[in-house]
Amino acid sequence: MRAPLAVFLVVAAVSTARAEEPAEPKPFTVCVQTLGSHHANLVPVIRRGIETLYGVRTELLAHRGLPKSAYYKPRRRYRAEKLLDFIDKHVVPKHRECNRIIAFTRLDISTSKPPHRDWGIFGLATLDGPSGVVSTFRLRRRARRTLLAKRAVKVVNHELGHTLGAPHVSELGCLMEDGAGTIKTVDRETGLLCDLSRRIIETRSKIKLPKLERFNWRSVLRP
């Protein structure tokens, strides 16, 4: 009469052990938020670019219009810091599955950069912050489809790097090199992070980055 009880105890013990096993960690997810007019054909490209460099999961959020609160009428463009405020207030709280959010638009964006009150930029992000924003408006200069795509991927990954804790560096060709307001800096970048930037991101964001000897543009730019 005791055998069935013994079997029950063993099964119960196994079930309890399984219940106490730690849950699988959720994958680090970067969400792409399109804002207003944008190059839809570049969205899958920048997602592959993010996944290739950072080894994380990406997700595309439902499209949103550009907020009127960020529009700067004197220059007919959008203030980047106000776009980040909008994302942090209205998008981040609704998408807790997103570890970081990168907004993407083709309209011109700007910020204050002394001595300039309103300085046109490629992108903006807060160091260690939840979000960044990138515009292709200034990336289109003398750029055909492939060059524009490469520029977009580099700038998106650059701003994402800031959100993951990496500041600007002086190393030429490093993805986190300060653009200094010129597209020439973006074009000479390899698309890869330098060792210092890698170490900072892995330490601050607890992400194990892929070890890449070169950036696989062929895979990222595929149709």
Protein backbone atom coordinates (compact mmCIF):
# COMPACT_ATOMS: atom_id res chain seq x y z
CA MET A 1 0.00 0.00 0.00
CA ARG A 2 3.00 2.33 0.41
CA ALA A 3 4.38 2.07 -3.12
CA PRO A 4 1.83 4.46 -4.73
CA LEU A 5 2.54 7.04 -2.03
CA ALA A 6 6.27 6.82 -2.69
CA VAL A 7 5.70 7.33 -6.40
CA PHE A 8 3.51 10.35 -5.66
CA LEU A 9 6.19 11.88 -3.46
CA VAL A 10 8.84 11.44 -6.16
CA VAL A 11 6.62 13.03 -8.81
CA ALA A 12 5.76 15.90 -6.47
CA ALA A 13 9.42 16.47 -5.70
CA VAL A 14 10.30 16.60 -9.43
CA SER A 15 7.42 18.98 -10.13
CA THR A 16 8.51 21.28 -7.30
CA ALA A 17 12.10 21.30 -8.54
CA ARG A 18 10.96 22.24 -12.03
CA ALA A 19 8.75 25.02 -10.70
CA GLU A 20 11.69 26.50 -8.86
CA GLU A 21 13.97 26.56 -11.93
CA PRO A 22 14.79 30.15 -12.95
CA ALA A 23 12.87 31.46 -15.94
CA GLU A 24 14.70 32.03 -19.21
CA PRO A 25 15.91 35.64 -19.40
CA LYS A 26 13.96 37.78 -21.84
CA PRO A 27 15.94 38.71 -24.98
CA PHE A 28 17.28 42.25 -25.14
CA THR A 29 14.92 44.00 -27.56
CA VAL A 30 15.45 47.18 -29.58
CA CYS A 31 12.23 48.60 -31.01
CA VAL A 32 12.10 50.76 -34.13
CA GLN A 33 9.50 53.54 -34.09
CA THR A 34 8.81 55.19 -37.44
CA LEU A 35 7.69 58.81 -37.18
CA GLY A 36 5.93 60.72 -39.95
CA SER A 37 7.34 60.46 -43.46
CA HIS A 38 10.15 57.89 -43.63
CA HIS A 39 11.99 55.57 -46.01
CA ALA A 40 9.95 52.40 -45.50
CA ASN A 41 12.40 50.35 -47.58
CA LEU A 42 15.18 51.17 -45.10
CA VAL A 43 13.33 49.90 -42.03
CA PRO A 44 14.20 46.20 -42.54
CA VAL A 45 17.75 47.23 -43.41
CA ILE A 46 18.33 49.15 -40.19
CA ARG A 47 16.75 46.33 -38.21
CA ARG A 48 19.21 43.86 -39.72
CA GLY A 49 21.99 46.36 -39.04
CA ILE A 50 21.08 46.52 -35.36
CA GLU A 51 20.79 42.75 -35.07
CA THR A 52 24.14 42.21 -36.83
CA LEU A 53 26.18 44.61 -34.70
CA TYR A 54 24.56 44.18 -31.31
CA GLY A 55 23.23 40.63 -31.52
CA VAL A 56 19.86 41.69 -30.09
CA ARG A 57 16.25 41.18 -31.09
CA THR A 58 14.42 43.97 -32.95
CA GLU A 59 10.74 44.77 -33.21
CA LEU A 60 8.83 47.27 -35.36
CA LEU A 61 6.25 49.35 -33.50
CA ALA A 62 3.05 50.75 -35.00
CA HIS A 63 3.70 53.90 -37.01
CA ARG A 64 3.15 57.29 -35.38
CA GLY A 65 2.91 60.82 -36.69
CA LEU A 66 5.42 63.46 -35.71
CA PRO A 67 4.22 65.42 -32.67
CA LYS A 68 3.30 69.06 -33.30
CA SER A 69 4.95 69.96 -30.00
CA ALA A 70 8.37 69.22 -31.53
CA TYR A 71 7.91 71.33 -34.68
CA TYR A 72 10.23 74.35 -34.96
CA LYS A 73 8.39 76.70 -37.29
CA PRO A 74 11.21 79.25 -37.95
CA ARG A 75 13.30 76.53 -39.64
CA ARG A 76 10.45 74.20 -40.62
CA ARG A 77 11.94 71.17 -38.91
CA TYR A 78 11.63 69.17 -35.70
CA ARG A 79 13.57 69.60 -32.47
CA ALA A 80 15.24 66.29 -31.69
CA GLU A 81 15.22 66.69 -27.89
CA LYS A 82 11.47 67.27 -27.98
CA LEU A 83 11.04 64.14 -30.08
CA LEU A 84 12.94 62.19 -27.42
CA ASP A 85 10.70 63.70 -24.73
CA PHE A 86 7.66 62.59 -26.73
CA ILE A 87 8.98 59.04 -27.11
CA ASP A 88 9.95 58.75 -23.46
CA LYS A 89 6.55 60.00 -22.32
CA HIS A 90 4.16 58.41 -24.82
CA VAL A 91 5.91 55.40 -26.36
CA VAL A 92 8.23 53.92 -23.73
CA PRO A 93 5.50 53.40 -21.07
CA LYS A 94 3.32 51.49 -23.56
CA HIS A 95 6.10 49.16 -24.68
CA ARG A 96 7.80 47.66 -21.67
CA GLU A 97 9.06 44.83 -23.87
CA CYS A 98 11.42 47.33 -25.51
CA ASN A 99 14.77 47.76 -23.78
CA ARG A 100 15.57 50.64 -26.14
CA ILE A 101 13.57 52.54 -28.76
CA ILE A 102 15.02 54.13 -31.90
CA ALA A 103 12.78 56.55 -33.78
CA PHE A 104 13.27 56.87 -37.55
CA THR A 105 12.09 59.65 -39.89
CA ARG A 106 13.09 61.31 -43.15
CA LEU A 107 12.19 64.83 -42.01
CA ASP A 108 14.80 67.30 -40.83
CA ILE A 109 15.69 67.38 -37.12
CA SER A 110 17.81 69.76 -35.08
CA THR A 111 19.07 70.64 -31.62
CA SER A 112 21.04 73.38 -29.88
CA LYS A 113 24.80 73.19 -30.28
CA PRO A 114 26.73 76.29 -29.11
CA PRO A 115 27.14 78.71 -30.69
CA HIS A 116 24.21 77.54 -32.84
CA ARG A 117 20.72 77.87 -31.40
CA ASP A 118 19.26 75.48 -33.96
CA TRP A 119 21.72 73.03 -35.52
CA GLY A 120 20.65 70.43 -38.07
CA ILE A 121 21.72 66.89 -37.11
CA PHE A 122 21.69 63.27 -38.26
CA GLY A 123 20.49 61.89 -34.93
CA LEU A 124 20.31 62.36 -31.18
CA ALA A 125 20.19 60.11 -28.13
CA THR A 126 20.62 60.44 -24.39
CA LEU A 127 23.59 58.60 -22.90
CA ASP A 128 22.22 55.57 -21.03
CA GLY A 129 18.73 56.76 -21.97
CA PRO A 130 15.77 54.74 -23.26
CA SER A 131 15.56 56.25 -26.73
CA GLY A 132 17.20 57.86 -29.72
CA VAL A 133 16.05 59.47 -32.96
CA VAL A 134 17.57 59.39 -36.46
CA SER A 135 16.69 61.36 -39.58
CA THR A 136 17.73 60.55 -43.13
CA PHE A 137 17.16 64.16 -44.26
CA ARG A 138 20.87 65.06 -44.17
CA LEU A 139 22.05 61.56 -45.04
CA ARG A 140 20.64 61.83 -48.56
CA ARG A 141 23.33 64.25 -49.75
CA ARG A 142 24.91 62.84 -52.92
CA ALA A 143 23.74 59.40 -51.89
CA ARG A 144 22.21 56.73 -54.03
CA ARG A 145 20.27 53.85 -52.53
CA THR A 146 23.17 51.75 -51.23
CA LEU A 147 25.12 54.65 -49.75
CA LEU A 148 22.00 56.05 -48.08
CA ALA A 149 21.28 52.64 -46.55
CA LYS A 150 24.82 52.33 -45.19
CA ARG A 151 24.65 55.81 -43.70
CA ALA A 152 21.29 55.09 -42.08
CA VAL A 153 22.55 51.86 -40.51
CA LYS A 154 25.69 53.53 -39.15
CA VAL A 155 23.85 56.49 -37.64
CA VAL A 156 21.13 54.30 -36.11
CA ASN A 157 23.76 52.04 -34.55
CA HIS A 158 25.73 55.09 -33.40
CA GLU A 159 22.74 56.59 -31.57
CA LEU A 160 21.82 53.18 -30.18
CA GLY A 161 25.37 52.94 -28.86
CA HIS A 162 24.78 56.13 -26.87
CA THR A 163 21.64 54.71 -25.29
CA LEU A 164 23.70 51.66 -24.29
CA GLY A 165 26.22 53.84 -22.48
CA ALA A 166 28.93 54.51 -25.08
CA PRO A 167 30.08 58.15 -25.38
CA HIS A 168 31.90 59.67 -28.35
CA VAL A 169 35.48 58.57 -28.97
CA SER A 170 38.34 60.13 -30.93
CA GLU A 171 39.40 56.93 -32.71
CA LEU A 172 39.06 57.42 -36.46
CA GLY A 173 36.74 54.97 -38.15
CA CYS A 174 35.10 53.83 -34.92
CA LEU A 175 31.31 53.82 -35.08
CA MET A 176 31.17 56.03 -31.97
CA GLU A 177 33.42 58.71 -33.45
CA ASP A 178 31.83 62.15 -33.18
CA GLY A 179 30.30 63.04 -36.54
CA ALA A 180 31.32 66.71 -36.03
CA GLY A 181 28.50 67.77 -38.31
CA THR A 182 29.97 66.25 -41.47
CA ILE A 183 28.82 63.27 -43.52
CA LYS A 184 32.47 62.47 -44.30
CA THR A 185 32.88 61.08 -40.80
CA VAL A 186 29.94 58.71 -41.28
CA ASP A 187 31.24 57.54 -44.65
CA ARG A 188 34.70 56.63 -43.36
CA GLU A 189 33.35 54.57 -40.45
CA THR A 190 33.57 50.81 -40.91
CA GLY A 191 30.28 50.12 -39.17
CA LEU A 192 32.06 48.40 -36.28
CA LEU A 193 32.57 49.44 -32.67
CA CYS A 194 36.10 49.99 -31.42
CA ASP A 195 37.32 47.95 -28.45
CA LEU A 196 36.73 50.75 -25.94
CA SER A 197 33.12 51.25 -27.03
CA ARG A 198 32.50 47.49 -26.95
CA ARG A 199 33.79 47.19 -23.39
CA ILE A 200 31.69 50.12 -22.20
CA ILE A 201 28.49 48.75 -23.74
CA GLU A 202 29.03 45.23 -22.45
CA THR A 203 29.76 46.54 -18.95
CA ARG A 204 26.95 49.08 -18.68
CA SER A 205 24.19 47.29 -20.59
CA LYS A 206 25.11 43.69 -19.74
CA ILE A 207 24.96 42.70 -23.41
CA LYS A 208 27.36 40.15 -24.87
CA LEU A 209 28.19 41.63 -28.26
CA PRO A 210 29.01 39.48 -31.29
CA LYS A 211 32.69 39.32 -32.20
CA LEU A 212 32.92 40.71 -35.72
CA GLU A 213 36.03 41.11 -37.83
CA ARG A 214 34.07 43.03 -40.43
CA PHE A 215 30.55 44.33 -40.85
CA ASN A 216 28.52 42.05 -43.10
CA TRP A 217 27.07 44.68 -45.42
CA ARG A 218 26.03 42.10 -48.01
CA SER A 219 23.67 40.44 -45.56
CA VAL A 220 22.37 43.68 -44.08
CA LEU A 221 21.72 45.38 -47.42
CA ARG A 222 20.09 42.42 -49.14
CA PRO A 223 16.73 43.19 -50.84
